[in-house]
PDB file of all heavy atoms in Angstrom:
ATOM      1  N   PRO A   1       0.820  -1.223   0.000  1.00  0.00           N
ATOM      2  CA  PRO A   1       0.000   0.000   0.000  1.00  0.00           C
ATOM      3  C   PRO A   1       0.849   1.267   0.000  1.00  0.00           C
ATOM      4  O   PRO A   1       1.851   1.368   0.710  1.00  0.00           O
ATOM      5  CB  PRO A   1      -0.790  -0.119   1.311  1.00  0.00           C
ATOM      6  CG  PRO A   1      -0.786  -1.585   1.623  1.00  0.00           C
ATOM      7  CD  PRO A   1       0.532  -2.092   1.146  1.00  0.00           C
ATOM      8  N   ALA A   2       0.438   2.227  -0.815  1.00  0.00           N
ATOM      9  CA  ALA A   2       1.142   3.507  -0.885  1.00  0.00           C
ATOM     10  C   ALA A   2       0.941   4.291   0.407  1.00  0.00           C
ATOM     11  O   ALA A   2      -0.150   4.328   0.952  1.00  0.00           O
ATOM     12  CB  ALA A   2       0.633   4.319  -2.071  1.00  0.00           C
ATOM     13  N   VAL A   3       2.018   4.908   0.897  1.00  0.00           N
ATOM     14  CA  VAL A   3       1.922   5.752   2.079  1.00  0.00           C
ATOM     15  C   VAL A   3       1.330   7.100   1.667  1.00  0.00           C
ATOM     16  O   VAL A   3       1.816   7.741   0.733  1.00  0.00           O
ATOM     17  CB  VAL A   3       3.305   5.962   2.730  1.00  0.00           C
ATOM     18  CG1 VAL A   3       3.221   6.950   3.892  1.00  0.00           C
ATOM     19  CG2 VAL A   3       3.868   4.621   3.208  1.00  0.00           C
ATOM     20  N   ALA A   4       0.279   7.510   2.347  1.00  0.00           N
ATOM     21  CA  ALA A   4      -0.386   8.770   2.019  1.00  0.00           C
ATOM     22  C   ALA A   4       0.503   9.961   2.389  1.00  0.00           C
ATOM     23  O   ALA A   4       1.310   9.875   3.321  1.00  0.00           O
ATOM     24  CB  ALA A   4      -1.720   8.861   2.743  1.00  0.00           C
ATOM     25  N   PRO A   5       0.382  11.074   1.673  1.00  0.00           N
ATOM     26  CA  PRO A   5       1.208  12.257   1.965  1.00  0.00           C
ATOM     27  C   PRO A   5       1.012  12.771   3.386  1.00  0.00           C
ATOM     28  O   PRO A   5      -0.101  12.722   3.926  1.00  0.00           O
ATOM     29  CB  PRO A   5       0.719  13.277   0.934  1.00  0.00           C
ATOM     30  CG  PRO A   5       0.176  12.464  -0.188  1.00  0.00           C
ATOM     31  CD  PRO A   5      -0.462  11.279   0.476  1.00  0.00           C
ATOM     32  N   VAL A   6       2.092  13.239   3.974  1.00  0.00           N
ATOM     33  CA  VAL A   6       2.047  13.900   5.278  1.00  0.00           C
ATOM     34  C   VAL A   6       2.807  15.213   5.158  1.00  0.00           C
ATOM     35  O   VAL A   6       3.658  15.383   4.279  1.00  0.00           O
ATOM     36  CB  VAL A   6       2.676  13.027   6.388  1.00  0.00           C
ATOM     37  CG1 VAL A   6       1.939  11.706   6.513  1.00  0.00           C
ATOM     38  CG2 VAL A   6       4.156  12.786   6.127  1.00  0.00           C
ATOM     39  N   SER A   7       2.493  16.138   6.041  1.00  0.00           N
ATOM     40  CA  SER A   7       3.193  17.418   6.043  1.00  0.00           C
ATOM     41  C   SER A   7       4.642  17.229   6.463  1.00  0.00           C
ATOM     42  O   SER A   7       4.949  16.387   7.314  1.00  0.00           O
ATOM     43  CB  SER A   7       2.488  18.381   7.000  1.00  0.00           C
ATOM     44  OG  SER A   7       3.286  19.507   7.261  1.00  0.00           O
ATOM     45  N   ALA A   8       5.543  18.006   5.873  1.00  0.00           N
ATOM     46  CA  ALA A   8       6.958  17.932   6.247  1.00  0.00           C
ATOM     47  C   ALA A   8       7.142  18.263   7.718  1.00  0.00           C
ATOM     48  O   ALA A   8       8.075  17.766   8.373  1.00  0.00           O
ATOM     49  CB  ALA A   8       7.778  18.886   5.380  1.00  0.00           C
ATOM     50  N   ASP A   9       6.226  19.058   8.268  1.00  0.00           N
ATOM     51  CA  ASP A   9       6.286  19.401   9.689  1.00  0.00           C
ATOM     52  C   ASP A   9       5.864  18.231  10.574  1.00  0.00           C
ATOM     53  O   ASP A   9       6.122  18.228  11.774  1.00  0.00           O
ATOM     54  CB  ASP A   9       5.397  20.609   9.987  1.00  0.00           C
ATOM     55  CG  ASP A   9       5.896  21.883   9.317  1.00  0.00           C
ATOM     56  OD1 ASP A   9       7.119  21.971   9.064  1.00  0.00           O
ATOM     57  OD2 ASP A   9       5.072  22.774   9.042  1.00  0.00           O
ATOM     58  N   ASP A  10       5.183  17.251   9.962  1.00  0.00           N
ATOM     59  CA  ASP A  10       4.715  16.079  10.701  1.00  0.00           C
ATOM     60  C   ASP A  10       5.692  14.919  10.535  1.00  0.00           C
ATOM     61  O   ASP A  10       5.292  13.763  10.409  1.00  0.00           O
ATOM     62  CB  ASP A  10       3.318  15.686  10.211  1.00  0.00           C
ATOM     63  CG  ASP A  10       2.671  14.622  11.091  1.00  0.00           C
ATOM     64  OD1 ASP A  10       3.050  14.512  12.273  1.00  0.00           O
ATOM     65  OD2 ASP A  10       1.800  13.886  10.585  1.00  0.00           O
ATOM     66  N   THR A  11       6.983  15.220  10.495  1.00  0.00           N
ATOM     67  CA  THR A  11       8.016  14.200  10.366  1.00  0.00           C
ATOM     68  C   THR A  11       9.110  14.472  11.400  1.00  0.00           C
ATOM     69  O   THR A  11       9.259  15.601  11.874  1.00  0.00           O
ATOM     70  CB  THR A  11       8.649  14.189   8.962  1.00  0.00           C
ATOM     71  OG1 THR A  11       9.356  15.419   8.746  1.00  0.00           O
ATOM     72  CG2 THR A  11       7.596  14.010   7.887  1.00  0.00           C
ATOM     73  N   LYS A  12       9.851  13.431  11.725  1.00  0.00           N
ATOM     74  CA  LYS A  12      10.940  13.573  12.687  1.00  0.00           C
ATOM     75  C   LYS A  12      12.105  12.675  12.280  1.00  0.00           C
ATOM     76  O   LYS A  12      11.946  11.464  12.127  1.00  0.00           O
ATOM     77  CB  LYS A  12      10.470  13.202  14.096  1.00  0.00           C
ATOM     78  CG  LYS A  12      11.533  13.404  15.166  1.00  0.00           C
ATOM     79  CD  LYS A  12      10.978  13.085  16.546  1.00  0.00           C
ATOM     80  CE  LYS A  12      12.046  13.296  17.624  1.00  0.00           C
ATOM     81  NZ  LYS A  12      11.516  12.990  18.982  1.00  0.00           N
ATOM     82  N   GLY A  13      13.264  13.295  12.062  1.00  0.00           N
ATOM     83  CA  GLY A  13      14.463  12.542  11.747  1.00  0.00           C
ATOM     84  C   GLY A  13      14.636  12.191  10.290  1.00  0.00           C
ATOM     85  O   GLY A  13      15.635  11.584   9.903  1.00  0.00           O
ATOM     86  N   VAL A  14      13.642  12.549   9.448  1.00  0.00           N
ATOM     87  CA  VAL A  14      13.696  12.229   8.024  1.00  0.00           C
ATOM     88  C   VAL A  14      14.236  13.433   7.259  1.00  0.00           C
ATOM     89  O   VAL A  14      13.860  14.571   7.527  1.00  0.00           O
ATOM     90  CB  VAL A  14      12.301  11.855   7.486  1.00  0.00           C
ATOM     91  CG1 VAL A  14      12.376  11.443   6.014  1.00  0.00           C
ATOM     92  CG2 VAL A  14      11.696  10.736   8.328  1.00  0.00           C
ATOM     93  N   LYS A  15      15.121  13.186   6.291  1.00  0.00           N
ATOM     94  CA  LYS A  15      15.711  14.256   5.497  1.00  0.00           C
ATOM     95  C   LYS A  15      14.614  15.061   4.807  1.00  0.00           C
ATOM     96  O   LYS A  15      13.715  14.509   4.179  1.00  0.00           O
ATOM     97  CB  LYS A  15      16.653  13.667   4.451  1.00  0.00           C
ATOM     98  CG  LYS A  15      17.425  14.686   3.636  1.00  0.00           C
ATOM     99  CD  LYS A  15      18.391  13.981   2.689  1.00  0.00           C
ATOM    100  CE  LYS A  15      19.188  14.983   1.867  1.00  0.00           C
ATOM    101  NZ  LYS A  15      20.133  14.295   0.939  1.00  0.00           N
ATOM    102  N   LYS A  16      14.674  16.386   4.936  1.00  0.00           N
ATOM    103  CA  LYS A  16      13.608  17.244   4.406  1.00  0.00           C
ATOM    104  C   LYS A  16      13.646  17.382   2.890  1.00  0.00           C
ATOM    105  O   LYS A  16      12.621  17.578   2.254  1.00  0.00           O
ATOM    106  CB  LYS A  16      13.705  18.640   5.040  1.00  0.00           C
ATOM    107  CG  LYS A  16      13.532  18.657   6.554  1.00  0.00           C
ATOM    108  CD  LYS A  16      12.144  18.223   6.979  1.00  0.00           C
ATOM    109  CE  LYS A  16      11.948  18.356   8.481  1.00  0.00           C
ATOM    110  NZ  LYS A  16      10.617  17.896   8.926  1.00  0.00           N
ATOM    111  N   LYS A  17      14.828  17.276   2.296  1.00  0.00           N
ATOM    112  CA  LYS A  17      14.937  17.447   0.847  1.00  0.00           C
ATOM    113  C   LYS A  17      14.143  16.360   0.127  1.00  0.00           C
ATOM    114  O   LYS A  17      14.299  15.168   0.399  1.00  0.00           O
ATOM    115  CB  LYS A  17      16.400  17.386   0.418  1.00  0.00           C
ATOM    116  CG  LYS A  17      16.599  17.514  -1.088  1.00  0.00           C
ATOM    117  CD  LYS A  17      18.076  17.376  -1.455  1.00  0.00           C
ATOM    118  CE  LYS A  17      18.266  17.446  -2.966  1.00  0.00           C
ATOM    119  NZ  LYS A  17      19.683  17.248  -3.359  1.00  0.00           N
ATOM    120  N   GLY A  18      13.292  16.775  -0.797  1.00  0.00           N
ATOM    121  CA  GLY A  18      12.521  15.809  -1.575  1.00  0.00           C
ATOM    122  C   GLY A  18      11.439  15.121  -0.774  1.00  0.00           C
ATOM    123  O   GLY A  18      10.943  14.069  -1.164  1.00  0.00           O
ATOM    124  N   LEU A  19      11.059  15.710   0.363  1.00  0.00           N
ATOM    125  CA  LEU A  19      10.011  15.153   1.200  1.00  0.00           C
ATOM    126  C   LEU A  19       8.694  15.788   0.767  1.00  0.00           C
ATOM    127  O   LEU A  19       8.356  16.905   1.166  1.00  0.00           O
ATOM    128  CB  LEU A  19      10.313  15.470   2.665  1.00  0.00           C
ATOM    129  CG  LEU A  19       9.531  14.723   3.751  1.00  0.00           C
ATOM    130  CD1 LEU A  19       9.754  13.219   3.654  1.00  0.00           C
ATOM    131  CD2 LEU A  19       9.936  15.227   5.124  1.00  0.00           C
ATOM    132  N   MET A  20       7.941  15.085  -0.066  1.00  0.00           N
ATOM    133  CA  MET A  20       6.742  15.669  -0.659  1.00  0.00           C
ATOM    134  C   MET A  20       5.796  14.576  -1.138  1.00  0.00           C
ATOM    135  O   MET A  20       6.172  13.396  -1.211  1.00  0.00           O
ATOM    136  CB  MET A  20       7.118  16.562  -1.837  1.00  0.00           C
ATOM    137  CG  MET A  20       7.821  15.822  -2.964  1.00  0.00           C
ATOM    138  SD  MET A  20       8.441  16.923  -4.268  1.00  0.00           S
ATOM    139  CE  MET A  20       9.850  17.665  -3.440  1.00  0.00           C
ATOM    140  N   GLY A  21       4.572  14.980  -1.451  1.00  0.00           N
ATOM    141  CA  GLY A  21       3.603  14.050  -1.992  1.00  0.00           C
ATOM    142  C   GLY A  21       3.423  14.262  -3.487  1.00  0.00           C
ATOM    143  O   GLY A  21       3.817  15.290  -4.031  1.00  0.00           O
ATOM    144  N   PHE A  22       2.850  13.265  -4.155  1.00  0.00           N
ATOM    145  CA  PHE A  22       2.526  13.403  -5.576  1.00  0.00           C
ATOM    146  C   PHE A  22       1.276  12.590  -5.867  1.00  0.00           C
ATOM    147  O   PHE A  22       0.886  11.727  -5.087  1.00  0.00           O
ATOM    148  CB  PHE A  22       3.698  12.960  -6.463  1.00  0.00           C
ATOM    149  CG  PHE A  22       3.892  11.458  -6.528  1.00  0.00           C
ATOM    150  CD1 PHE A  22       3.475  10.727  -7.637  1.00  0.00           C
ATOM    151  CD2 PHE A  22       4.511  10.773  -5.482  1.00  0.00           C
ATOM    152  CE1 PHE A  22       3.655   9.349  -7.701  1.00  0.00           C
ATOM    153  CE2 PHE A  22       4.708   9.409  -5.533  1.00  0.00           C
ATOM    154  CZ  PHE A  22       4.276   8.685  -6.647  1.00  0.00           C
ATOM    155  N   THR A  23       0.633  12.895  -6.970  1.00  0.00           N
ATOM    156  CA  THR A  23      -0.575  12.174  -7.372  1.00  0.00           C
ATOM    157  C   THR A  23      -0.238  11.172  -8.466  1.00  0.00           C
ATOM    158  O   THR A  23       0.290  11.536  -9.520  1.00  0.00           O
ATOM    159  CB  THR A  23      -1.662  13.138  -7.875  1.00  0.00           C
ATOM    160  OG1 THR A  23      -1.968  14.083  -6.841  1.00  0.00           O
ATOM    161  CG2 THR A  23      -2.936  12.384  -8.239  1.00  0.00           C
ATOM    162  N   ARG A  24      -0.532   9.913  -8.217  1.00  0.00           N
ATOM    163  CA  ARG A  24      -0.270   8.847  -9.177  1.00  0.00           C
ATOM    164  C   ARG A  24      -1.278   8.898 -10.328  1.00  0.00           C
ATOM    165  O   ARG A  24      -2.337   9.522 -10.193  1.00  0.00           O
ATOM    166  CB  ARG A  24      -0.370   7.498  -8.466  1.00  0.00           C
ATOM    167  CG  ARG A  24       0.586   7.302  -7.307  1.00  0.00           C
ATOM    168  CD  ARG A  24       0.099   6.212  -6.349  1.00  0.00           C
ATOM    169  NE  ARG A  24      -0.282   5.008  -7.063  1.00  0.00           N
ATOM    170  CZ  ARG A  24       0.544   3.979  -7.316  1.00  0.00           C
ATOM    171  NH1 ARG A  24       1.790   4.026  -6.854  1.00  0.00           N
ATOM    172  NH2 ARG A  24       0.142   2.918  -7.979  1.00  0.00           N
TER     173      ARG A  24
END
C-alpha cells in the first residue's frame, strides 16, 4: 500500500529534501 502524503512538519528525523507528496 502507498503511504499517504504527510506534512513535512509532521516528520521527525527524516531528510527534508525531496520530502513531498505526488498524485499517481
